[in-house]
Amino acid sequence: MHKLYKQALMVVTLAVGLSGIALGASDSVDQPSPTIGERDSSEAGKLYPAFEAGVRRAADEGPDALRHYIERTRTIYGFYYWDFAK
């Protein structure tokens, strides 16, 4: 049994070591900046994250479209109506 514990410990140590190497390698690579969505004409000059493009389009269409979009995507994004209502 003692031999099995040593082998298991070696496997775990190897796995942790390799995952550390993989993480270290990704740290040295330049990461692209977050994608910025298109400019909203009603909010001149302000930028927002690309994942908010749909909710902002719905807000531009009106309160019913915004409410429908937020209800439809509530489990995906977790947006709140009053954060985007105009």
PDB file of N, CA and C in Angstrom:
ATOM      1  N   MET A   1       0.820  -1.197   0.000  1.00  0.00           N
ATOM      2  CA  MET A   1       0.000   0.000   0.000  1.00  0.00           C
ATOM      3  C   MET A   1       0.861   1.256   0.000  1.00  0.00           C
ATOM      4  N   HIS A   2       1.969   1.201   0.707  1.00  0.00           N
ATOM      5  CA  HIS A   2       2.830   2.362   0.808  1.00  0.00           C
ATOM      6  C   HIS A   2       3.342   2.768  -0.571  1.00  0.00           C
ATOM      7  N   LYS A   3       3.610   1.795  -1.430  1.00  0.00           N
ATOM      8  CA  LYS A   3       4.104   2.065  -2.777  1.00  0.00           C
ATOM      9  C   LYS A   3       3.037   2.791  -3.612  1.00  0.00           C
ATOM     10  N   LEU A   4       1.771   2.423  -3.425  1.00  0.00           N
ATOM     11  CA  LEU A   4       0.693   3.082  -4.155  1.00  0.00           C
ATOM     12  C   LEU A   4       0.563   4.548  -3.761  1.00  0.00           C
ATOM     13  N   TYR A   5       0.741   4.838  -2.493  1.00  0.00           N
ATOM     14  CA  TYR A   5       0.674   6.233  -2.035  1.00  0.00           C
ATOM     15  C   TYR A   5       1.792   7.058  -2.660  1.00  0.00           C
ATOM     16  N   LYS A   6       2.987   6.479  -2.747  1.00  0.00           N
ATOM     17  CA  LYS A   6       4.107   7.190  -3.368  1.00  0.00           C
ATOM     18  C   LYS A   6       3.821   7.472  -4.836  1.00  0.00           C
ATOM     19  N   GLN A   7       3.261   6.469  -5.535  1.00  0.00           N
ATOM     20  CA  GLN A   7       2.942   6.661  -6.949  1.00  0.00           C
ATOM     21  C   GLN A   7       1.856   7.727  -7.121  1.00  0.00           C
ATOM     22  N   ALA A   8       0.857   7.708  -6.273  1.00  0.00           N
ATOM     23  CA  ALA A   8      -0.206   8.698  -6.355  1.00  0.00           C
ATOM     24  C   ALA A   8       0.345  10.095  -6.084  1.00  0.00           C
ATOM     25  N   LEU A   9       1.229  10.198  -5.099  1.00  0.00           N
ATOM     26  CA  LEU A   9       1.839  11.479  -4.779  1.00  0.00           C
ATOM     27  C   LEU A   9       2.676  11.989  -5.945  1.00  0.00           C
ATOM     28  N   MET A  10       3.386  11.093  -6.608  1.00  0.00           N
ATOM     29  CA  MET A  10       4.186  11.490  -7.764  1.00  0.00           C
ATOM     30  C   MET A  10       3.294  11.991  -8.905  1.00  0.00           C
ATOM     31  N   VAL A  11       2.176  11.317  -9.135  1.00  0.00           N
ATOM     32  CA  VAL A  11       1.264  11.721 -10.206  1.00  0.00           C
ATOM     33  C   VAL A  11       0.677  13.095  -9.908  1.00  0.00           C
ATOM     34  N   VAL A  12       0.254  13.302  -8.669  1.00  0.00           N
ATOM     35  CA  VAL A  12      -0.318  14.592  -8.290  1.00  0.00           C
ATOM     36  C   VAL A  12       0.725  15.694  -8.393  1.00  0.00           C
ATOM     37  N   THR A  13       1.922  15.431  -7.932  1.00  0.00           N
ATOM     38  CA  THR A  13       3.008  16.416  -7.998  1.00  0.00           C
ATOM     39  C   THR A  13       3.316  16.769  -9.449  1.00  0.00           C
ATOM     40  N   LEU A  14       3.362  15.769 -10.304  1.00  0.00           N
ATOM     41  CA  LEU A  14       3.621  16.004 -11.722  1.00  0.00           C
ATOM     42  C   LEU A  14       2.500  16.841 -12.345  1.00  0.00           C
ATOM     43  N   ALA A  15       1.264  16.512 -12.022  1.00  0.00           N
ATOM     44  CA  ALA A  15       0.126  17.252 -12.582  1.00  0.00           C
ATOM     45  C   ALA A  15       0.141  18.709 -12.125  1.00  0.00           C
ATOM     46  N   VAL A  16       0.408  18.935 -10.854  1.00  0.00           N
ATOM     47  CA  VAL A  16       0.459  20.308 -10.337  1.00  0.00           C
ATOM     48  C   VAL A  16       1.618  21.073 -10.976  1.00  0.00           C
ATOM     49  N   GLY A  17       2.751  20.407 -11.126  1.00  0.00           N
ATOM     50  CA  GLY A  17       3.911  21.047 -11.753  1.00  0.00           C
ATOM     51  C   GLY A  17       3.643  21.431 -13.194  1.00  0.00           C
ATOM     52  N   LEU A  18       3.024  20.525 -13.936  1.00  0.00           N
ATOM     53  CA  LEU A  18       2.719  20.828 -15.337  1.00  0.00           C
ATOM     54  C   LEU A  18       1.672  21.915 -15.467  1.00  0.00           C
ATOM     55  N   SER A  19       0.700  21.931 -14.582  1.00  0.00           N
ATOM     56  CA  SER A  19      -0.300  22.993 -14.655  1.00  0.00           C
ATOM     57  C   SER A  19       0.338  24.335 -14.316  1.00  0.00           C
ATOM     58  N   GLY A  20       1.306  24.342 -13.420  1.00  0.00           N
ATOM     59  CA  GLY A  20       2.022  25.576 -13.103  1.00  0.00           C
ATOM     60  C   GLY A  20       2.829  26.082 -14.275  1.00  0.00           C
ATOM     61  N   ILE A  21       3.400  25.164 -15.027  1.00  0.00           N
ATOM     62  CA  ILE A  21       4.160  25.543 -16.223  1.00  0.00           C
ATOM     63  C   ILE A  21       3.219  26.143 -17.256  1.00  0.00           C
ATOM     64  N   ALA A  22       2.064  25.511 -17.425  1.00  0.00           N
ATOM     65  CA  ALA A  22       1.095  26.018 -18.400  1.00  0.00           C
ATOM     66  C   ALA A  22       0.594  27.398 -17.990  1.00  0.00           C
ATOM     67  N   LEU A  23       0.332  27.606 -16.721  1.00  0.00           N
ATOM     68  CA  LEU A  23      -0.128  28.910 -16.254  1.00  0.00           C
ATOM     69  C   LEU A  23       0.965  29.956 -16.394  1.00  0.00           C
ATOM     70  N   GLY A  24       2.186  29.575 -16.085  1.00  0.00           N
ATOM     71  CA  GLY A  24       3.297  30.511 -16.202  1.00  0.00           C
ATOM     72  C   GLY A  24       3.529  30.935 -17.634  1.00  0.00           C
ATOM     73  N   ALA A  25       3.346  30.016 -18.563  1.00  0.00           N
ATOM     74  CA  ALA A  25       3.538  30.340 -19.974  1.00  0.00           C
ATOM     75  C   ALA A  25       2.482  31.318 -20.458  1.00  0.00           C
ATOM     76  N   SER A  26       1.270  31.165 -19.973  1.00  0.00           N
ATOM     77  CA  SER A  26       0.215  32.066 -20.433  1.00  0.00           C
ATOM     78  C   SER A  26       0.367  33.463 -19.843  1.00  0.00           C
ATOM     79  N   ASP A  27       1.048  33.589 -18.711  1.00  0.00           N
ATOM     80  CA  ASP A  27       1.256  34.899 -18.114  1.00  0.00           C
ATOM     81  C   ASP A  27       2.202  35.757 -18.946  1.00  0.00           C
ATOM     82  N   SER A  28       3.142  35.119 -19.647  1.00  0.00           N
ATOM     83  CA  SER A  28       4.122  35.881 -20.397  1.00  0.00           C
ATOM     84  C   SER A  28       3.588  36.332 -21.759  1.00  0.00           C
ATOM     85  N   VAL A  29       2.489  35.779 -22.210  1.00  0.00           N
ATOM     86  CA  VAL A  29       1.910  36.138 -23.497  1.00  0.00           C
ATOM     87  C   VAL A  29       1.067  37.393 -23.321  1.00  0.00           C
ATOM     88  N   ASP A  30       1.228  38.333 -24.252  1.00  0.00           N
ATOM     89  CA  ASP A  30       0.423  39.550 -24.196  1.00  0.00           C
ATOM     90  C   ASP A  30      -1.035  39.204 -24.430  1.00  0.00           C
ATOM     91  N   GLN A  31      -1.879  39.591 -23.518  1.00  0.00           N
ATOM     92  CA  GLN A  31      -3.310  39.341 -23.639  1.00  0.00           C
ATOM     93  C   GLN A  31      -3.949  40.519 -24.359  1.00  0.00           C
ATOM     94  N   PRO A  32      -4.875  40.241 -25.284  1.00  0.00           N
ATOM     95  CA  PRO A  32      -5.543  41.351 -25.967  1.00  0.00           C
ATOM     96  C   PRO A  32      -6.441  42.110 -24.999  1.00  0.00           C
ATOM     97  N   SER A  33      -6.621  43.377 -25.277  1.00  0.00           N
ATOM     98  CA  SER A  33      -7.489  44.176 -24.423  1.00  0.00           C
ATOM     99  C   SER A  33      -8.933  43.738 -24.622  1.00  0.00           C
ATOM    100  N   PRO A  34      -9.800  43.968 -23.635  1.00  0.00           N
ATOM    101  CA  PRO A  34     -11.201  43.574 -23.777  1.00  0.00           C
ATOM    102  C   PRO A  34     -11.846  44.264 -24.973  1.00  0.00           C
ATOM    103  N   THR A  35     -12.737  43.530 -25.611  1.00  0.00           N
ATOM    104  CA  THR A  35     -13.417  44.071 -26.770  1.00  0.00           C
ATOM    105  C   THR A  35     -14.370  45.182 -26.346  1.00  0.00           C
ATOM    106  N   ILE A  36     -14.329  46.249 -27.067  1.00  0.00           N
ATOM    107  CA  ILE A  36     -15.190  47.389 -26.771  1.00  0.00           C
ATOM    108  C   ILE A  36     -16.300  47.419 -27.808  1.00  0.00           C
ATOM    109  N   GLY A  37     -17.520  47.602 -27.351  1.00  0.00           N
ATOM    110  CA  GLY A  37     -18.674  47.638 -28.244  1.00  0.00           C
ATOM    111  C   GLY A  37     -18.703  48.918 -29.058  1.00  0.00           C
ATOM    112  N   GLU A  38     -19.629  48.962 -29.951  1.00  0.00           N
ATOM    113  CA  GLU A  38     -19.758  50.148 -30.795  1.00  0.00           C
ATOM    114  C   GLU A  38     -20.244  51.337 -29.975  1.00  0.00           C
ATOM    115  N   ARG A  39     -20.029  52.505 -30.492  1.00  0.00           N
ATOM    116  CA  ARG A  39     -20.477  53.705 -29.772  1.00  0.00           C
ATOM    117  C   ARG A  39     -21.991  53.831 -29.882  1.00  0.00           C
ATOM    118  N   ASP A  40     -22.589  54.243 -28.806  1.00  0.00           N
ATOM    119  CA  ASP A  40     -24.031  54.468 -28.774  1.00  0.00           C
ATOM    120  C   ASP A  40     -24.277  55.933 -29.090  1.00  0.00           C
ATOM    121  N   SER A  41     -25.112  56.206 -30.083  1.00  0.00           N
ATOM    122  CA  SER A  41     -25.323  57.585 -30.514  1.00  0.00           C
ATOM    123  C   SER A  41     -25.962  58.439 -29.420  1.00  0.00           C
ATOM    124  N   SER A  42     -26.767  57.826 -28.553  1.00  0.00           N
ATOM    125  CA  SER A  42     -27.408  58.606 -27.502  1.00  0.00           C
ATOM    126  C   SER A  42     -26.455  58.917 -26.350  1.00  0.00           C
ATOM    127  N   GLU A  43     -25.366  58.172 -26.273  1.00  0.00           N
ATOM    128  CA  GLU A  43     -24.360  58.411 -25.236  1.00  0.00           C
ATOM    129  C   GLU A  43     -23.047  58.755 -25.923  1.00  0.00           C
ATOM    130  N   ALA A  44     -23.008  59.892 -26.540  1.00  0.00           N
ATOM    131  CA  ALA A  44     -21.867  60.289 -27.359  1.00  0.00           C
ATOM    132  C   ALA A  44     -20.559  60.216 -26.584  1.00  0.00           C
ATOM    133  N   GLY A  45     -19.603  59.526 -27.181  1.00  0.00           N
ATOM    134  CA  GLY A  45     -18.273  59.461 -26.605  1.00  0.00           C
ATOM    135  C   GLY A  45     -18.076  58.387 -25.544  1.00  0.00           C
ATOM    136  N   LYS A  46     -19.132  57.705 -25.096  1.00  0.00           N
ATOM    137  CA  LYS A  46     -18.975  56.672 -24.070  1.00  0.00           C
ATOM    138  C   LYS A  46     -18.811  55.313 -24.730  1.00  0.00           C
ATOM    139  N   LEU A  47     -17.917  54.511 -24.183  1.00  0.00           N
ATOM    140  CA  LEU A  47     -17.715  53.150 -24.664  1.00  0.00           C
ATOM    141  C   LEU A  47     -18.242  52.185 -23.625  1.00  0.00           C
ATOM    142  N   TYR A  48     -18.625  51.019 -24.062  1.00  0.00           N
ATOM    143  CA  TYR A  48     -19.128  50.003 -23.158  1.00  0.00           C
ATOM    144  C   TYR A  48     -18.644  48.643 -23.637  1.00  0.00           C
ATOM    145  N   PRO A  49     -18.679  47.632 -22.768  1.00  0.00           N
ATOM    146  CA  PRO A  49     -18.240  46.291 -23.172  1.00  0.00           C
ATOM    147  C   PRO A  49     -19.125  45.719 -24.275  1.00  0.00           C
ATOM    148  N   ALA A  50     -18.543  44.900 -25.125  1.00  0.00           N
ATOM    149  CA  ALA A  50     -19.261  44.336 -26.264  1.00  0.00           C
ATOM    150  C   ALA A  50     -20.454  43.488 -25.836  1.00  0.00           C
ATOM    151  N   PHE A  51     -20.385  42.832 -24.677  1.00  0.00           N
ATOM    152  CA  PHE A  51     -21.500  41.981 -24.265  1.00  0.00           C
ATOM    153  C   PHE A  51     -22.740  42.793 -23.891  1.00  0.00           C
ATOM    154  N   GLU A  52     -22.607  44.111 -23.773  1.00  0.00           N
ATOM    155  CA  GLU A  52     -23.753  44.967 -23.486  1.00  0.00           C
ATOM    156  C   GLU A  52     -24.399  45.521 -24.757  1.00  0.00           C
ATOM    157  N   ALA A  53     -23.882  45.179 -25.920  1.00  0.00           N
ATOM    158  CA  ALA A  53     -24.407  45.746 -27.168  1.00  0.00           C
ATOM    159  C   ALA A  53     -25.876  45.411 -27.358  1.00  0.00           C
ATOM    160  N   GLY A  54     -26.262  44.166 -27.098  1.00  0.00           N
ATOM    161  CA  GLY A  54     -27.649  43.758 -27.294  1.00  0.00           C
ATOM    162  C   GLY A  54     -28.609  44.470 -26.372  1.00  0.00           C
ATOM    163  N   VAL A  55     -28.257  44.574 -25.106  1.00  0.00           N
ATOM    164  CA  VAL A  55     -29.150  45.232 -24.148  1.00  0.00           C
ATOM    165  C   VAL A  55     -29.250  46.719 -24.445  1.00  0.00           C
ATOM    166  N   ARG A  56     -28.184  47.316 -24.924  1.00  0.00           N
ATOM    167  CA  ARG A  56     -28.232  48.742 -25.256  1.00  0.00           C
ATOM    168  C   ARG A  56     -29.061  48.990 -26.518  1.00  0.00           C
ATOM    169  N   ARG A  57     -28.999  48.073 -27.490  1.00  0.00           N
ATOM    170  CA  ARG A  57     -29.865  48.188 -28.670  1.00  0.00           C
ATOM    171  C   ARG A  57     -31.330  48.075 -28.258  1.00  0.00           C
ATOM    172  N   ALA A  58     -31.609  47.128 -27.352  1.00  0.00           N
ATOM    173  CA  ALA A  58     -32.984  46.968 -26.869  1.00  0.00           C
ATOM    174  C   ALA A  58     -33.447  48.225 -26.131  1.00  0.00           C
ATOM    175  N   ALA A  59     -32.565  48.819 -25.350  1.00  0.00           N
ATOM    176  CA  ALA A  59     -32.920  50.046 -24.628  1.00  0.00           C
ATOM    177  C   ALA A  59     -33.226  51.178 -25.597  1.00  0.00           C
ATOM    178  N   ASP A  60     -32.501  51.225 -26.721  1.00  0.00           N
ATOM    179  CA  ASP A  60     -32.766  52.251 -27.731  1.00  0.00           C
ATOM    180  C   ASP A  60     -34.121  52.046 -28.404  1.00  0.00           C
ATOM    181  N   GLU A  61     -34.573  50.785 -28.474  1.00  0.00           N
ATOM    182  CA  GLU A  61     -35.863  50.489 -29.107  1.00  0.00           C
ATOM    183  C   GLU A  61     -37.046  50.872 -28.227  1.00  0.00           C
ATOM    184  N   GLY A  62     -36.822  50.923 -26.929  1.00  0.00           N
ATOM    185  CA  GLY A  62     -37.910  51.325 -26.044  1.00  0.00           C
ATOM    186  C   GLY A  62     -38.016  50.438 -24.813  1.00  0.00           C
ATOM    187  N   PRO A  63     -38.847  50.825 -23.859  1.00  0.00           N
ATOM    188  CA  PRO A  63     -38.934  50.099 -22.588  1.00  0.00           C
ATOM    189  C   PRO A  63     -39.459  48.664 -22.719  1.00  0.00           C
ATOM    190  N   ASP A  64     -40.405  48.428 -23.651  1.00  0.00           N
ATOM    191  CA  ASP A  64     -40.925  47.066 -23.816  1.00  0.00           C
ATOM    192  C   ASP A  64     -39.862  46.132 -24.387  1.00  0.00           C
ATOM    193  N   ALA A  65     -39.117  46.616 -25.373  1.00  0.00           N
ATOM    194  CA  ALA A  65     -38.050  45.800 -25.960  1.00  0.00           C
ATOM    195  C   ALA A  65     -36.967  45.520 -24.924  1.00  0.00           C
ATOM    196  N   LEU A  66     -36.646  46.517 -24.129  1.00  0.00           N
ATOM    197  CA  LEU A  66     -35.636  46.330 -23.089  1.00  0.00           C
ATOM    198  C   LEU A  66     -36.103  45.309 -22.059  1.00  0.00           C
ATOM    199  N   ARG A  67     -37.329  45.438 -21.618  1.00  0.00           N
ATOM    200  CA  ARG A  67     -37.872  44.509 -20.625  1.00  0.00           C
ATOM    201  C   ARG A  67     -37.872  43.073 -21.175  1.00  0.00           C
ATOM    202  N   HIS A  68     -38.264  42.919 -22.444  1.00  0.00           N
ATOM    203  CA  HIS A  68     -38.287  41.600 -23.073  1.00  0.00           C
ATOM    204  C   HIS A  68     -36.872  41.020 -23.185  1.00  0.00           C
ATOM    205  N   TYR A  69     -35.913  41.841 -23.607  1.00  0.00           N
ATOM    206  CA  TYR A  69     -34.529  41.375 -23.752  1.00  0.00           C
ATOM    207  C   TYR A  69     -33.958  40.928 -22.403  1.00  0.00           C
ATOM    208  N   ILE A  70     -34.181  41.724 -21.371  1.00  0.00           N
ATOM    209  CA  ILE A  70     -33.649  41.398 -20.045  1.00  0.00           C
ATOM    210  C   ILE A  70     -34.299  40.129 -19.506  1.00  0.00           C
ATOM    211  N   GLU A  71     -35.579  39.970 -19.734  1.00  0.00           N
ATOM    212  CA  GLU A  71     -36.271  38.759 -19.285  1.00  0.00           C
ATOM    213  C   GLU A  71     -35.744  37.526 -20.022  1.00  0.00           C
ATOM    214  N   ARG A  72     -35.526  37.676 -21.334  1.00  0.00           N
ATOM    215  CA  ARG A  72     -35.055  36.569 -22.154  1.00  0.00           C
ATOM    216  C   ARG A  72     -33.633  36.131 -21.788  1.00  0.00           C
ATOM    217  N   THR A  73     -32.792  37.077 -21.405  1.00  0.00           N
ATOM    218  CA  THR A  73     -31.375  36.774 -21.156  1.00  0.00           C
ATOM    219  C   THR A  73     -31.007  36.846 -19.676  1.00  0.00           C
ATOM    220  N   ARG A  74     -31.980  36.788 -18.788  1.00  0.00           N
ATOM    221  CA  ARG A  74     -31.718  36.987 -17.355  1.00  0.00           C
ATOM    222  C   ARG A  74     -30.759  35.962 -16.776  1.00  0.00           C
ATOM    223  N   THR A  75     -30.831  34.700 -17.230  1.00  0.00           N
ATOM    224  CA  THR A  75     -29.931  33.684 -16.670  1.00  0.00           C
ATOM    225  C   THR A  75     -28.545  33.741 -17.290  1.00  0.00           C
ATOM    226  N   ILE A  76     -28.414  34.420 -18.406  1.00  0.00           N
ATOM    227  CA  ILE A  76     -27.108  34.524 -19.063  1.00  0.00           C
ATOM    228  C   ILE A  76     -26.318  35.711 -18.519  1.00  0.00           C
ATOM    229  N   TYR A  77     -26.935  36.895 -18.543  1.00  0.00           N
ATOM    230  CA  TYR A  77     -26.211  38.119 -18.200  1.00  0.00           C
ATOM    231  C   TYR A  77     -26.531  38.663 -16.813  1.00  0.00           C
ATOM    232  N   GLY A  78     -27.743  38.480 -16.335  1.00  0.00           N
ATOM    233  CA  GLY A  78     -28.120  39.024 -15.032  1.00  0.00           C
ATOM    234  C   GLY A  78     -28.273  40.539 -15.035  1.00  0.00           C
ATOM    235  N   PHE A  79     -28.689  41.110 -16.178  1.00  0.00           N
ATOM    236  CA  PHE A  79     -28.892  42.551 -16.263  1.00  0.00           C
ATOM    237  C   PHE A  79     -30.125  42.966 -15.454  1.00  0.00           C
ATOM    238  N   TYR A  80     -30.130  44.205 -15.003  1.00  0.00           N
ATOM    239  CA  TYR A  80     -31.277  44.790 -14.314  1.00  0.00           C
ATOM    240  C   TYR A  80     -31.868  45.892 -15.186  1.00  0.00           C
ATOM    241  N   TYR A  81     -33.180  45.939 -15.239  1.00  0.00           N
ATOM    242  CA  TYR A  81     -33.888  46.886 -16.091  1.00  0.00           C
ATOM    243  C   TYR A  81     -33.446  48.321 -15.838  1.00  0.00           C
ATOM    244  N   TRP A  82     -33.382  48.715 -14.582  1.00  0.00           N
ATOM    245  CA  TRP A  82     -33.106  50.118 -14.255  1.00  0.00           C
ATOM    246  C   TRP A  82     -31.658  50.518 -14.527  1.00  0.00           C
ATOM    247  N   ASP A  83     -30.784  49.557 -14.772  1.00  0.00           N
ATOM    248  CA  ASP A  83     -29.415  49.904 -15.141  1.00  0.00           C
ATOM    249  C   ASP A  83     -29.332  50.425 -16.573  1.00  0.00           C
ATOM    250  N   PHE A  84     -30.339  50.092 -17.401  1.00  0.00           N
ATOM    251  CA  PHE A  84     -30.302  50.484 -18.812  1.00  0.00           C
ATOM    252  C   PHE A  84     -31.500  51.291 -19.259  1.00  0.00           C
ATOM    253  N   ALA A  85     -32.505  51.450 -18.419  1.00  0.00           N
ATOM    254  CA  ALA A  85     -33.701  52.215 -18.795  1.00  0.00           C
ATOM    255  C   ALA A  85     -33.336  53.681 -18.965  1.00  0.00           C
ATOM    256  N   LYS A  86     -34.004  54.311 -19.910  1.00  0.00           N
ATOM    257  CA  LYS A  86     -33.709  55.727 -20.186  1.00  0.00           C
ATOM    258  C   LYS A  86     -34.836  56.594 -19.731  1.00  0.00           C
TER     259      LYS A  86
END
